[in-house]
């Protein structure tokens, strides 16, 4: 029974097994959450532009 914690997907010492979860700020790959935020932001701006 060791007290070592489970490998975290955000642990930088882990191998490239979690490379899809450990994306740096300069990673060119875009996550689905960023696409969703971009679409929602564009829709909000378009709605505000139409209303105003």
PDB file of N, CA and C in Angstrom:
ATOM      1  N   UNK A   1       0.850  -1.197   0.000  1.00  0.00           N
ATOM      2  CA  UNK A   1       0.000   0.000   0.000  1.00  0.00           C
ATOM      3  C   UNK A   1       0.883   1.243   0.000  1.00  0.00           C
ATOM      4  N   UNK A   2       1.044   1.826  -1.152  1.00  0.00           N
ATOM      5  CA  UNK A   2       1.834   3.052  -1.228  1.00  0.00           C
ATOM      6  C   UNK A   2       0.912   4.259  -1.230  1.00  0.00           C
ATOM      7  N   UNK A   3       1.455   5.385  -0.801  1.00  0.00           N
ATOM      8  CA  UNK A   3       0.654   6.602  -0.687  1.00  0.00           C
ATOM      9  C   UNK A   3       0.832   7.511  -1.898  1.00  0.00           C
ATOM     10  N   UNK A   4       1.337   6.971  -2.999  1.00  0.00           N
ATOM     11  CA  UNK A   4       1.526   7.817  -4.177  1.00  0.00           C
ATOM     12  C   UNK A   4       0.175   8.118  -4.814  1.00  0.00           C
ATOM     13  N   UNK A   5      -0.059   9.342  -5.197  1.00  0.00           N
ATOM     14  CA  UNK A   5      -1.354   9.696  -5.797  1.00  0.00           C
ATOM     15  C   UNK A   5      -1.493   9.113  -7.199  1.00  0.00           C
ATOM     16  N   UNK A   6      -2.701   9.088  -7.681  1.00  0.00           N
ATOM     17  CA  UNK A   6      -2.940   8.585  -9.032  1.00  0.00           C
ATOM     18  C   UNK A   6      -2.334   9.548 -10.047  1.00  0.00           C
ATOM     19  N   UNK A   7      -1.898   9.044 -11.185  1.00  0.00           N
ATOM     20  CA  UNK A   7      -1.312   9.928 -12.210  1.00  0.00           C
ATOM     21  C   UNK A   7      -2.337  10.936 -12.708  1.00  0.00           C
ATOM     22  N   UNK A   8      -1.993  12.189 -12.605  1.00  0.00           N
ATOM     23  CA  UNK A   8      -2.911  13.243 -13.026  1.00  0.00           C
ATOM     24  C   UNK A   8      -2.711  13.542 -14.506  1.00  0.00           C
ATOM     25  N   UNK A   9      -3.787  13.781 -15.250  1.00  0.00           N
ATOM     26  CA  UNK A   9      -3.625  14.122 -16.678  1.00  0.00           C
ATOM     27  C   UNK A   9      -2.939  15.460 -16.873  1.00  0.00           C
ATOM     28  N   UNK A  10      -2.865  16.267 -15.808  1.00  0.00           N
ATOM     29  CA  UNK A  10      -2.221  17.574 -15.906  1.00  0.00           C
ATOM     30  C   UNK A  10      -0.810  17.561 -15.331  1.00  0.00           C
ATOM     31  N   UNK A  11      -0.328  16.369 -14.954  1.00  0.00           N
ATOM     32  CA  UNK A  11       1.016  16.271 -14.387  1.00  0.00           C
ATOM     33  C   UNK A  11       2.032  16.306 -15.519  1.00  0.00           C
ATOM     34  N   UNK A  12       2.946  17.262 -15.477  1.00  0.00           N
ATOM     35  CA  UNK A  12       3.901  17.425 -16.573  1.00  0.00           C
ATOM     36  C   UNK A  12       4.962  16.336 -16.561  1.00  0.00           C
ATOM     37  N   UNK A  13       5.061  15.557 -15.481  1.00  0.00           N
ATOM     38  CA  UNK A  13       6.071  14.502 -15.412  1.00  0.00           C
ATOM     39  C   UNK A  13       5.575  13.200 -16.038  1.00  0.00           C
ATOM     40  N   UNK A  14       4.320  13.160 -16.437  1.00  0.00           N
ATOM     41  CA  UNK A  14       3.779  11.943 -17.027  1.00  0.00           C
ATOM     42  C   UNK A  14       4.243  11.808 -18.475  1.00  0.00           C
ATOM     43  N   UNK A  15       4.277  10.586 -19.001  1.00  0.00           N
ATOM     44  CA  UNK A  15       4.647  10.397 -20.415  1.00  0.00           C
ATOM     45  C   UNK A  15       3.576  10.960 -21.344  1.00  0.00           C
ATOM     46  N   UNK A  16       3.769  10.733 -22.634  1.00  0.00           N
ATOM     47  CA  UNK A  16       2.875  11.330 -23.623  1.00  0.00           C
ATOM     48  C   UNK A  16       1.543  10.600 -23.733  1.00  0.00           C
ATOM     49  N   UNK A  17       1.233   9.759 -22.740  1.00  0.00           N
ATOM     50  CA  UNK A  17      -0.048   9.065 -22.775  1.00  0.00           C
ATOM     51  C   UNK A  17      -1.193  10.063 -22.674  1.00  0.00           C
ATOM     52  N   UNK A  18      -0.980  11.118 -21.903  1.00  0.00           N
ATOM     53  CA  UNK A  18      -2.021  12.125 -21.708  1.00  0.00           C
ATOM     54  C   UNK A  18      -1.740  13.373 -22.551  1.00  0.00           C
ATOM     55  N   UNK A  19      -1.107  13.183 -23.709  1.00  0.00           N
ATOM     56  CA  UNK A  19      -0.727  14.343 -24.515  1.00  0.00           C
ATOM     57  C   UNK A  19      -1.957  15.113 -24.990  1.00  0.00           C
ATOM     58  N   UNK A  20      -3.075  14.421 -25.167  1.00  0.00           N
ATOM     59  CA  UNK A  20      -4.274  15.121 -25.629  1.00  0.00           C
ATOM     60  C   UNK A  20      -4.883  15.969 -24.518  1.00  0.00           C
ATOM     61  N   UNK A  21      -4.590  15.614 -23.256  1.00  0.00           N
ATOM     62  CA  UNK A  21      -5.142  16.371 -22.140  1.00  0.00           C
ATOM     63  C   UNK A  21      -4.171  17.433 -21.641  1.00  0.00           C
ATOM     64  N   UNK A  22      -2.869  17.299 -21.994  1.00  0.00           N
ATOM     65  CA  UNK A  22      -1.883  18.267 -21.513  1.00  0.00           C
ATOM     66  C   UNK A  22      -1.511  19.197 -22.654  1.00  0.00           C
ATOM     67  N   UNK A  23      -2.410  20.069 -23.017  1.00  0.00           N
ATOM     68  CA  UNK A  23      -2.143  21.011 -24.097  1.00  0.00           C
ATOM     69  C   UNK A  23      -1.620  22.313 -23.525  1.00  0.00           C
ATOM     70  N   UNK A  24      -0.500  22.743 -24.053  1.00  0.00           N
ATOM     71  CA  UNK A  24       0.089  23.993 -23.592  1.00  0.00           C
ATOM     72  C   UNK A  24      -0.655  25.188 -24.169  1.00  0.00           C
ATOM     73  N   UNK A  25      -0.366  26.385 -23.660  1.00  0.00           N
ATOM     74  CA  UNK A  25      -1.041  27.593 -24.157  1.00  0.00           C
ATOM     75  C   UNK A  25      -0.682  27.905 -25.606  1.00  0.00           C
ATOM     76  N   UNK A  26       0.440  27.365 -26.093  1.00  0.00           N
ATOM     77  CA  UNK A  26       0.879  27.643 -27.460  1.00  0.00           C
ATOM     78  C   UNK A  26       0.589  26.481 -28.404  1.00  0.00           C
ATOM     79  N   UNK A  27      -0.243  25.537 -27.955  1.00  0.00           N
ATOM     80  CA  UNK A  27      -0.553  24.393 -28.799  1.00  0.00           C
ATOM     81  C   UNK A  27      -1.492  24.837 -29.920  1.00  0.00           C
ATOM     82  N   UNK A  28      -1.142  24.565 -31.177  1.00  0.00           N
ATOM     83  CA  UNK A  28      -2.001  25.012 -32.282  1.00  0.00           C
ATOM     84  C   UNK A  28      -3.336  24.276 -32.347  1.00  0.00           C
ATOM     85  N   UNK A  29      -3.419  23.108 -31.703  1.00  0.00           N
ATOM     86  CA  UNK A  29      -4.682  22.372 -31.734  1.00  0.00           C
ATOM     87  C   UNK A  29      -5.732  23.088 -30.901  1.00  0.00           C
ATOM     88  N   UNK A  30      -6.940  23.149 -31.441  1.00  0.00           N
ATOM     89  CA  UNK A  30      -8.024  23.854 -30.751  1.00  0.00           C
ATOM     90  C   UNK A  30      -8.961  22.822 -30.136  1.00  0.00           C
ATOM     91  N   UNK A  31      -9.271  23.018 -28.875  1.00  0.00           N
ATOM     92  CA  UNK A  31     -10.172  22.107 -28.195  1.00  0.00           C
ATOM     93  C   UNK A  31     -11.618  22.405 -28.551  1.00  0.00           C
ATOM     94  N   UNK A  32     -12.482  21.429 -28.344  1.00  0.00           N
ATOM     95  CA  UNK A  32     -13.888  21.601 -28.700  1.00  0.00           C
ATOM     96  C   UNK A  32     -14.534  22.698 -27.859  1.00  0.00           C
ATOM     97  N   UNK A  33     -14.058  22.877 -26.623  1.00  0.00           N
ATOM     98  CA  UNK A  33     -14.641  23.915 -25.775  1.00  0.00           C
ATOM     99  C   UNK A  33     -14.328  25.289 -26.339  1.00  0.00           C
ATOM    100  N   UNK A  34     -13.151  25.444 -26.942  1.00  0.00           N
ATOM    101  CA  UNK A  34     -12.816  26.746 -27.517  1.00  0.00           C
ATOM    102  C   UNK A  34     -13.653  27.019 -28.760  1.00  0.00           C
ATOM    103  N   UNK A  35     -13.934  25.968 -29.534  1.00  0.00           N
ATOM    104  CA  UNK A  35     -14.803  26.141 -30.703  1.00  0.00           C
ATOM    105  C   UNK A  35     -16.201  26.542 -30.252  1.00  0.00           C
ATOM    106  N   UNK A  36     -16.684  25.891 -29.195  1.00  0.00           N
ATOM    107  CA  UNK A  36     -18.013  26.217 -28.681  1.00  0.00           C
ATOM    108  C   UNK A  36     -18.062  27.652 -28.176  1.00  0.00           C
ATOM    109  N   UNK A  37     -17.028  28.068 -27.439  1.00  0.00           N
ATOM    110  CA  UNK A  37     -16.988  29.443 -26.947  1.00  0.00           C
ATOM    111  C   UNK A  37     -16.919  30.433 -28.099  1.00  0.00           C
ATOM    112  N   UNK A  38     -16.173  30.109 -29.139  1.00  0.00           N
ATOM    113  CA  UNK A  38     -16.066  31.013 -30.289  1.00  0.00           C
ATOM    114  C   UNK A  38     -17.417  31.153 -30.984  1.00  0.00           C
ATOM    115  N   UNK A  39     -18.134  30.045 -31.133  1.00  0.00           N
ATOM    116  CA  UNK A  39     -19.444  30.096 -31.790  1.00  0.00           C
ATOM    117  C   UNK A  39     -20.426  30.905 -30.951  1.00  0.00           C
ATOM    118  N   UNK A  40     -20.434  30.672 -29.639  1.00  0.00           N
ATOM    119  CA  UNK A  40     -21.347  31.416 -28.772  1.00  0.00           C
ATOM    120  C   UNK A  40     -21.009  32.900 -28.769  1.00  0.00           C
ATOM    121  N   UNK A  41     -19.718  33.218 -28.745  1.00  0.00           N
ATOM    122  CA  UNK A  41     -19.306  34.626 -28.756  1.00  0.00           C
ATOM    123  C   UNK A  41     -19.714  35.289 -30.064  1.00  0.00           C
ATOM    124  N   UNK A  42     -19.506  34.597 -31.177  1.00  0.00           N
ATOM    125  CA  UNK A  42     -19.884  35.157 -32.477  1.00  0.00           C
ATOM    126  C   UNK A  42     -21.395  35.372 -32.552  1.00  0.00           C
ATOM    127  N   UNK A  43     -22.164  34.434 -32.030  1.00  0.00           N
ATOM    128  CA  UNK A  43     -23.617  34.576 -32.045  1.00  0.00           C
ATOM    129  C   UNK A  43     -24.053  35.750 -31.170  1.00  0.00           C
ATOM    130  N   UNK A  44     -23.414  35.905 -30.024  1.00  0.00           N
ATOM    131  CA  UNK A  44     -23.756  37.006 -29.123  1.00  0.00           C
ATOM    132  C   UNK A  44     -23.435  38.348 -29.766  1.00  0.00           C
ATOM    133  N   UNK A  45     -22.269  38.452 -30.390  1.00  0.00           N
ATOM    134  CA  UNK A  45     -21.880  39.702 -31.050  1.00  0.00           C
ATOM    135  C   UNK A  45     -22.826  40.004 -32.210  1.00  0.00           C
ATOM    136  N   UNK A  46     -23.180  38.986 -32.982  1.00  0.00           N
ATOM    137  CA  UNK A  46     -24.093  39.194 -34.111  1.00  0.00           C
ATOM    138  C   UNK A  46     -25.467  39.642 -33.622  1.00  0.00           C
ATOM    139  N   UNK A  47     -25.953  39.035 -32.543  1.00  0.00           N
ATOM    140  CA  UNK A  47     -27.260  39.418 -32.006  1.00  0.00           C
ATOM    141  C   UNK A  47     -27.228  40.853 -31.493  1.00  0.00           C
ATOM    142  N   UNK A  48     -26.154  41.221 -30.803  1.00  0.00           N
ATOM    143  CA  UNK A  48     -26.036  42.587 -30.293  1.00  0.00           C
ATOM    144  C   UNK A  48     -25.945  43.583 -31.448  1.00  0.00           C
ATOM    145  N   UNK A  49     -25.259  43.206 -32.518  1.00  0.00           N
ATOM    146  CA  UNK A  49     -25.119  44.099 -33.678  1.00  0.00           C
ATOM    147  C   UNK A  49     -26.466  44.302 -34.367  1.00  0.00           C
ATOM    148  N   UNK A  50     -27.261  43.231 -34.441  1.00  0.00           N
ATOM    149  CA  UNK A  50     -28.577  43.338 -35.087  1.00  0.00           C
ATOM    150  C   UNK A  50     -29.515  44.186 -34.225  1.00  0.00           C
ATOM    151  N   UNK A  51     -29.487  43.960 -32.916  1.00  0.00           N
ATOM    152  CA  UNK A  51     -30.387  44.692 -32.022  1.00  0.00           C
ATOM    153  C   UNK A  51     -30.016  46.165 -31.974  1.00  0.00           C
ATOM    154  N   UNK A  52     -28.723  46.443 -31.896  1.00  0.00           N
ATOM    155  CA  UNK A  52     -28.300  47.841 -31.800  1.00  0.00           C
ATOM    156  C   UNK A  52     -28.206  48.450 -33.191  1.00  0.00           C
TER     157      UNK A  52
END
